[in-house]
Amino acid sequence: MAGVSFSGGAVSVTTSPTDNMVHGTQYSHYLRDDIAKPVPCYYERLLSEATNKVVIWDPYFHAPDTAIFRGLKNAVEVYVLSSKSKPLKDIYLDALITETPNHLIPGVKSHCTFNFGFIDTCKYGKELWNTHDRFLIVDDKYYLVGASVAHHLASHDSTGICRLRFRVDKQIVQNAFDKCWTVCVNDLMYKTKTL
């Protein structure tokens, strides 16, 4: 829609060559408008800011996505919640535990605790606990993420990251995550490992 303008004051938009995304006040966007364009690395940059805790809630998180952990600069506790069937749980958990150390920088490698968990797609199917949205929590900062981690590691599609700044919005995300993580733990669909 060429020619659309915003009224009510100046609009501040910045383009960051360091993470290949366009940044507004609360929303950052990556437009895949060139096949040779570098991948968006804002997600990884957000992980680099973590000093205490990281939560990745992504229903399509797989072992190759652990490459995003190269962004971690400090020893933190990491929670990853995804969706998998119970018969495949151990295969996926073992792959995550095996692959993760390959991407950690040496100073972080032996000090991070990783909690990998799944919502059981066999038990709940599409009717219950069918999470779709992706969220990232870095310490006390909450983000709604438009695409799975894989899209932030390779420029498959356009995507965006929106920071949630209001306490009530952050609490909604935290409550939903806590509820889903409790289901995952109660179903024994998780593994914790200090690497």
C-alpha atoms as a PDB file:
ATOM      1  CA  MET A   1       0.000   0.000   0.000  1.00  0.00           C
ATOM      2  CA  ALA A   2       2.300   2.703  -1.249  1.00  0.00           C
ATOM      3  CA  GLY A   3       1.494   6.175  -0.068  1.00  0.00           C
ATOM      4  CA  VAL A   4       0.202   5.142   3.369  1.00  0.00           C
ATOM      5  CA  SER A   5       1.378   7.524   6.083  1.00  0.00           C
ATOM      6  CA  PHE A   6       1.023   7.615   9.822  1.00  0.00           C
ATOM      7  CA  SER A   7      -0.434  10.653  11.516  1.00  0.00           C
ATOM      8  CA  GLY A   8       0.111  11.844  15.044  1.00  0.00           C
ATOM      9  CA  GLY A   9       3.791  12.660  15.056  1.00  0.00           C
ATOM     10  CA  ALA A  10       7.106  11.441  13.758  1.00  0.00           C
ATOM     11  CA  VAL A  11       7.701   7.729  13.313  1.00  0.00           C
ATOM     12  CA  SER A  12      11.130   6.441  14.277  1.00  0.00           C
ATOM     13  CA  VAL A  13      12.339   3.439  12.309  1.00  0.00           C
ATOM     14  CA  THR A  14      15.939   2.260  12.256  1.00  0.00           C
ATOM     15  CA  THR A  15      17.634  -0.351  10.131  1.00  0.00           C
ATOM     16  CA  SER A  16      20.310  -2.335  11.915  1.00  0.00           C
ATOM     17  CA  PRO A  17      23.117  -3.800   9.795  1.00  0.00           C
ATOM     18  CA  THR A  18      24.227  -5.817  12.838  1.00  0.00           C
ATOM     19  CA  ASP A  19      21.078  -7.953  12.972  1.00  0.00           C
ATOM     20  CA  ASN A  20      19.518  -7.367   9.523  1.00  0.00           C
ATOM     21  CA  MET A  21      16.181  -6.226  10.921  1.00  0.00           C
ATOM     22  CA  VAL A  22      14.224  -2.985  10.844  1.00  0.00           C
ATOM     23  CA  HIS A  23      13.444  -1.751  14.369  1.00  0.00           C
ATOM     24  CA  GLY A  24      10.577   0.362  15.607  1.00  0.00           C
ATOM     25  CA  THR A  25       9.822   1.055  19.258  1.00  0.00           C
ATOM     26  CA  GLN A  26       8.384  -2.357  20.179  1.00  0.00           C
ATOM     27  CA  TYR A  27       8.409  -4.265  16.901  1.00  0.00           C
ATOM     28  CA  SER A  28      11.296  -5.484  14.759  1.00  0.00           C
ATOM     29  CA  HIS A  29      10.821  -6.984  11.305  1.00  0.00           C
ATOM     30  CA  TYR A  30      12.877  -8.944   8.808  1.00  0.00           C
ATOM     31  CA  LEU A  31      11.672  -8.852   5.214  1.00  0.00           C
ATOM     32  CA  ARG A  32      13.094 -11.506   2.971  1.00  0.00           C
ATOM     33  CA  ASP A  33      13.146  -9.383  -0.149  1.00  0.00           C
ATOM     34  CA  ASP A  34      16.448 -10.607  -1.538  1.00  0.00           C
ATOM     35  CA  ILE A  35      17.559 -14.231  -1.824  1.00  0.00           C
ATOM     36  CA  ALA A  36      21.138 -13.249  -0.933  1.00  0.00           C
ATOM     37  CA  LYS A  37      20.143 -11.187   2.119  1.00  0.00           C
ATOM     38  CA  PRO A  38      21.919 -12.201   5.346  1.00  0.00           C
ATOM     39  CA  VAL A  39      19.853 -14.062   7.931  1.00  0.00           C
ATOM     40  CA  PRO A  40      18.145 -12.089  10.721  1.00  0.00           C
ATOM     41  CA  CYS A  41      20.194 -12.447  13.906  1.00  0.00           C
ATOM     42  CA  TYR A  42      18.232 -10.256  16.320  1.00  0.00           C
ATOM     43  CA  TYR A  43      16.962 -13.359  18.182  1.00  0.00           C
ATOM     44  CA  GLU A  44      20.540 -14.465  18.815  1.00  0.00           C
ATOM     45  CA  ARG A  45      21.451 -10.938  19.908  1.00  0.00           C
ATOM     46  CA  LEU A  46      18.616 -11.002  22.454  1.00  0.00           C
ATOM     47  CA  LEU A  47      20.002 -14.248  23.890  1.00  0.00           C
ATOM     48  CA  SER A  48      23.380 -12.568  24.284  1.00  0.00           C
ATOM     49  CA  GLU A  49      21.786 -10.107  26.738  1.00  0.00           C
ATOM     50  CA  ALA A  50      20.616 -12.859  29.130  1.00  0.00           C
ATOM     51  CA  THR A  51      22.183 -12.832  32.578  1.00  0.00           C
ATOM     52  CA  ASN A  52      19.825 -15.117  34.491  1.00  0.00           C
ATOM     53  CA  LYS A  53      17.134 -16.966  32.527  1.00  0.00           C
ATOM     54  CA  VAL A  54      16.015 -17.714  28.973  1.00  0.00           C
ATOM     55  CA  VAL A  55      12.686 -19.252  27.984  1.00  0.00           C
ATOM     56  CA  ILE A  56      12.125 -20.395  24.404  1.00  0.00           C
ATOM     57  CA  TRP A  57       8.572 -21.503  23.740  1.00  0.00           C
ATOM     58  CA  ASP A  58       8.534 -22.797  20.196  1.00  0.00           C
ATOM     59  CA  PRO A  59       6.399 -25.777  19.107  1.00  0.00           C
ATOM     60  CA  TYR A  60       8.825 -26.566  16.262  1.00  0.00           C
ATOM     61  CA  PHE A  61      12.162 -26.445  18.116  1.00  0.00           C
ATOM     62  CA  HIS A  62      14.532 -29.226  16.973  1.00  0.00           C
ATOM     63  CA  ALA A  63      18.152 -30.216  17.635  1.00  0.00           C
ATOM     64  CA  PRO A  64      19.608 -28.114  14.749  1.00  0.00           C
ATOM     65  CA  ASP A  65      17.970 -25.054  16.354  1.00  0.00           C
ATOM     66  CA  THR A  66      20.344 -25.353  19.312  1.00  0.00           C
ATOM     67  CA  ALA A  67      22.778 -23.372  17.127  1.00  0.00           C
ATOM     68  CA  ILE A  68      20.922 -20.312  18.472  1.00  0.00           C
ATOM     69  CA  PHE A  69      22.658 -20.941  21.822  1.00  0.00           C
ATOM     70  CA  ARG A  70      25.926 -19.625  20.382  1.00  0.00           C
ATOM     71  CA  GLY A  71      24.386 -16.273  21.310  1.00  0.00           C
ATOM     72  CA  LEU A  72      24.561 -17.020  25.041  1.00  0.00           C
ATOM     73  CA  LYS A  73      27.318 -14.997  26.687  1.00  0.00           C
ATOM     74  CA  ASN A  74      26.572 -15.770  30.343  1.00  0.00           C
ATOM     75  CA  ALA A  75      25.800 -18.826  32.427  1.00  0.00           C
ATOM     76  CA  VAL A  76      21.997 -18.918  32.565  1.00  0.00           C
ATOM     77  CA  GLU A  77      19.141 -21.321  33.134  1.00  0.00           C
ATOM     78  CA  VAL A  78      17.412 -22.152  29.839  1.00  0.00           C
ATOM     79  CA  TYR A  79      13.924 -23.570  29.360  1.00  0.00           C
ATOM     80  CA  VAL A  80      12.831 -24.800  25.943  1.00  0.00           C
ATOM     81  CA  LEU A  81       9.231 -25.930  25.502  1.00  0.00           C
ATOM     82  CA  SER A  82       8.218 -27.595  22.255  1.00  0.00           C
ATOM     83  CA  SER A  83       5.718 -30.197  21.034  1.00  0.00           C
ATOM     84  CA  LYS A  84       6.472 -33.840  20.266  1.00  0.00           C
ATOM     85  CA  SER A  85       4.822 -37.228  20.575  1.00  0.00           C
ATOM     86  CA  LYS A  86       5.638 -39.351  23.626  1.00  0.00           C
ATOM     87  CA  PRO A  87       6.990 -42.291  21.562  1.00  0.00           C
ATOM     88  CA  LEU A  88       9.613 -39.932  20.067  1.00  0.00           C
ATOM     89  CA  LYS A  89      10.306 -37.987  23.269  1.00  0.00           C
ATOM     90  CA  ASP A  90      13.569 -39.688  24.240  1.00  0.00           C
ATOM     91  CA  ILE A  91      15.000 -39.470  20.719  1.00  0.00           C
ATOM     92  CA  TYR A  92      14.328 -35.730  20.560  1.00  0.00           C
ATOM     93  CA  LEU A  93      15.501 -35.040  24.118  1.00  0.00           C
ATOM     94  CA  ASP A  94      18.727 -36.965  23.605  1.00  0.00           C
ATOM     95  CA  ALA A  95      19.363 -35.118  20.339  1.00  0.00           C
ATOM     96  CA  LEU A  96      18.867 -31.743  22.063  1.00  0.00           C
ATOM     97  CA  ILE A  97      21.170 -32.680  24.956  1.00  0.00           C
ATOM     98  CA  THR A  98      23.828 -34.030  22.568  1.00  0.00           C
ATOM     99  CA  GLU A  99      23.744 -31.127  20.119  1.00  0.00           C
ATOM    100  CA  THR A 100      23.559 -28.175  22.533  1.00  0.00           C
ATOM    101  CA  PRO A 101      27.190 -28.269  23.822  1.00  0.00           C
ATOM    102  CA  ASN A 102      28.447 -28.002  20.241  1.00  0.00           C
ATOM    103  CA  HIS A 103      27.175 -24.421  20.079  1.00  0.00           C
ATOM    104  CA  LEU A 104      28.094 -23.016  23.484  1.00  0.00           C
ATOM    105  CA  ILE A 105      31.121 -20.784  23.860  1.00  0.00           C
ATOM    106  CA  PRO A 106      33.759 -22.263  26.223  1.00  0.00           C
ATOM    107  CA  GLY A 107      33.138 -19.887  29.145  1.00  0.00           C
ATOM    108  CA  VAL A 108      29.438 -20.734  29.155  1.00  0.00           C
ATOM    109  CA  LYS A 109      29.622 -24.435  28.315  1.00  0.00           C
ATOM    110  CA  SER A 110      29.993 -25.878  31.819  1.00  0.00           C
ATOM    111  CA  HIS A 111      27.738 -23.433  33.639  1.00  0.00           C
ATOM    112  CA  CYS A 112      24.348 -23.404  31.875  1.00  0.00           C
ATOM    113  CA  THR A 113      21.423 -25.551  32.927  1.00  0.00           C
ATOM    114  CA  PHE A 114      19.094 -26.608  30.122  1.00  0.00           C
ATOM    115  CA  ASN A 115      15.530 -27.763  30.680  1.00  0.00           C
ATOM    116  CA  PHE A 116      14.057 -29.266  27.519  1.00  0.00           C
ATOM    117  CA  GLY A 117      10.393 -30.221  27.548  1.00  0.00           C
ATOM    118  CA  PHE A 118       7.557 -31.216  25.249  1.00  0.00           C
ATOM    119  CA  ILE A 119       3.803 -31.093  25.192  1.00  0.00           C
ATOM    120  CA  ASP A 120       2.697 -34.614  24.202  1.00  0.00           C
ATOM    121  CA  THR A 121       0.985 -34.349  20.810  1.00  0.00           C
ATOM    122  CA  CYS A 122      -0.242 -37.948  21.037  1.00  0.00           C
ATOM    123  CA  LYS A 123      -1.976 -37.389  24.354  1.00  0.00           C
ATOM    124  CA  TYR A 124      -3.476 -33.973  23.618  1.00  0.00           C
ATOM    125  CA  GLY A 125      -3.699 -33.886  19.835  1.00  0.00           C
ATOM    126  CA  LYS A 126      -4.983 -30.762  18.142  1.00  0.00           C
ATOM    127  CA  GLU A 127      -7.784 -30.236  20.654  1.00  0.00           C
ATOM    128  CA  LEU A 128      -5.733 -29.438  23.773  1.00  0.00           C
ATOM    129  CA  TRP A 129      -2.429 -27.665  24.396  1.00  0.00           C
ATOM    130  CA  ASN A 130      -1.985 -27.075  20.685  1.00  0.00           C
ATOM    131  CA  THR A 131       0.433 -24.177  21.019  1.00  0.00           C
ATOM    132  CA  HIS A 132       1.249 -22.250  17.878  1.00  0.00           C
ATOM    133  CA  ASP A 133       2.694 -18.865  18.835  1.00  0.00           C
ATOM    134  CA  ARG A 134       6.350 -18.556  19.695  1.00  0.00           C
ATOM    135  CA  PHE A 135       7.627 -16.643  22.706  1.00  0.00           C
ATOM    136  CA  LEU A 136      11.035 -15.680  24.015  1.00  0.00           C
ATOM    137  CA  ILE A 137      11.719 -14.525  27.555  1.00  0.00           C
ATOM    138  CA  VAL A 138      15.145 -13.095  28.356  1.00  0.00           C
ATOM    139  CA  ASP A 139      15.397 -12.320  32.068  1.00  0.00           C
ATOM    140  CA  ASP A 140      12.483  -9.889  32.578  1.00  0.00           C
ATOM    141  CA  LYS A 141      11.955  -9.061  28.875  1.00  0.00           C
ATOM    142  CA  TYR A 142       9.143 -10.792  27.009  1.00  0.00           C
ATOM    143  CA  TYR A 143       8.845 -11.153  23.230  1.00  0.00           C
ATOM    144  CA  LEU A 144       6.246 -12.501  20.816  1.00  0.00           C
ATOM    145  CA  VAL A 145       8.191 -14.111  17.975  1.00  0.00           C
ATOM    146  CA  GLY A 146       6.640 -14.479  14.533  1.00  0.00           C
ATOM    147  CA  ALA A 147       8.533 -17.551  13.303  1.00  0.00           C
ATOM    148  CA  SER A 148      10.346 -20.536  14.726  1.00  0.00           C
ATOM    149  CA  VAL A 149      14.021 -20.439  15.650  1.00  0.00           C
ATOM    150  CA  ALA A 150      14.938 -22.199  12.387  1.00  0.00           C
ATOM    151  CA  HIS A 151      13.818 -19.114  10.480  1.00  0.00           C
ATOM    152  CA  HIS A 152      16.178 -16.956  12.534  1.00  0.00           C
ATOM    153  CA  LEU A 153      19.095 -19.232  11.730  1.00  0.00           C
ATOM    154  CA  ALA A 154      18.452 -19.317   7.967  1.00  0.00           C
ATOM    155  CA  SER A 155      16.474 -16.748   6.024  1.00  0.00           C
ATOM    156  CA  HIS A 156      13.539 -18.958   5.087  1.00  0.00           C
ATOM    157  CA  ASP A 157      10.810 -16.371   5.499  1.00  0.00           C
ATOM    158  CA  SER A 158      10.046 -12.891   6.684  1.00  0.00           C
ATOM    159  CA  THR A 159       9.451 -12.668  10.411  1.00  0.00           C
ATOM    160  CA  GLY A 160       9.055 -10.250  13.270  1.00  0.00           C
ATOM    161  CA  ILE A 161       9.717  -9.946  16.991  1.00  0.00           C
ATOM    162  CA  CYS A 162       7.451  -7.821  19.167  1.00  0.00           C
ATOM    163  CA  ARG A 163       8.484  -6.832  22.688  1.00  0.00           C
ATOM    164  CA  LEU A 164       5.720  -6.976  25.287  1.00  0.00           C
ATOM    165  CA  ARG A 165       6.199  -4.060  27.663  1.00  0.00           C
ATOM    166  CA  PHE A 166       3.022  -4.012  29.755  1.00  0.00           C
ATOM    167  CA  ARG A 167       3.006  -6.072  32.936  1.00  0.00           C
ATOM    168  CA  VAL A 168      -0.414  -7.582  32.237  1.00  0.00           C
ATOM    169  CA  ASP A 169       0.710  -8.825  28.797  1.00  0.00           C
ATOM    170  CA  LYS A 170       3.863 -10.348  30.234  1.00  0.00           C
ATOM    171  CA  GLN A 171       1.849 -12.024  32.995  1.00  0.00           C
ATOM    172  CA  ILE A 172      -0.483 -13.621  30.433  1.00  0.00           C
ATOM    173  CA  VAL A 173       2.506 -15.177  28.669  1.00  0.00           C
ATOM    174  CA  GLN A 174       4.151 -16.261  31.933  1.00  0.00           C
ATOM    175  CA  ASN A 175       0.938 -17.863  33.246  1.00  0.00           C
ATOM    176  CA  ALA A 176       0.392 -19.757  29.983  1.00  0.00           C
ATOM    177  CA  PHE A 177       4.000 -20.960  29.917  1.00  0.00           C
ATOM    178  CA  ASP A 178       3.874 -22.051  33.576  1.00  0.00           C
ATOM    179  CA  LYS A 179       0.689 -24.002  32.941  1.00  0.00           C
ATOM    180  CA  CYS A 180       2.104 -25.760  29.874  1.00  0.00           C
ATOM    181  CA  TRP A 181       5.447 -26.462  31.557  1.00  0.00           C
ATOM    182  CA  THR A 182       3.607 -28.049  34.502  1.00  0.00           C
ATOM    183  CA  VAL A 183       1.757 -30.352  32.085  1.00  0.00           C
ATOM    184  CA  CYS A 184       5.067 -31.270  30.454  1.00  0.00           C
ATOM    185  CA  VAL A 185       6.651 -32.071  33.845  1.00  0.00           C
ATOM    186  CA  ASN A 186       3.629 -34.019  35.091  1.00  0.00           C
ATOM    187  CA  ASP A 187       3.691 -36.100  31.888  1.00  0.00           C
ATOM    188  CA  LEU A 188       7.446 -36.753  32.336  1.00  0.00           C
ATOM    189  CA  MET A 189       8.108 -35.161  28.953  1.00  0.00           C
ATOM    190  CA  TYR A 190      11.249 -33.251  29.935  1.00  0.00           C
ATOM    191  CA  LYS A 191      14.931 -33.560  30.746  1.00  0.00           C
ATOM    192  CA  THR A 192      17.238 -31.255  32.697  1.00  0.00           C
ATOM    193  CA  LYS A 193      20.965 -31.143  32.072  1.00  0.00           C
ATOM    194  CA  THR A 194      23.781 -28.876  33.261  1.00  0.00           C
ATOM    195  CA  LEU A 195      26.274 -28.519  30.440  1.00  0.00           C
END
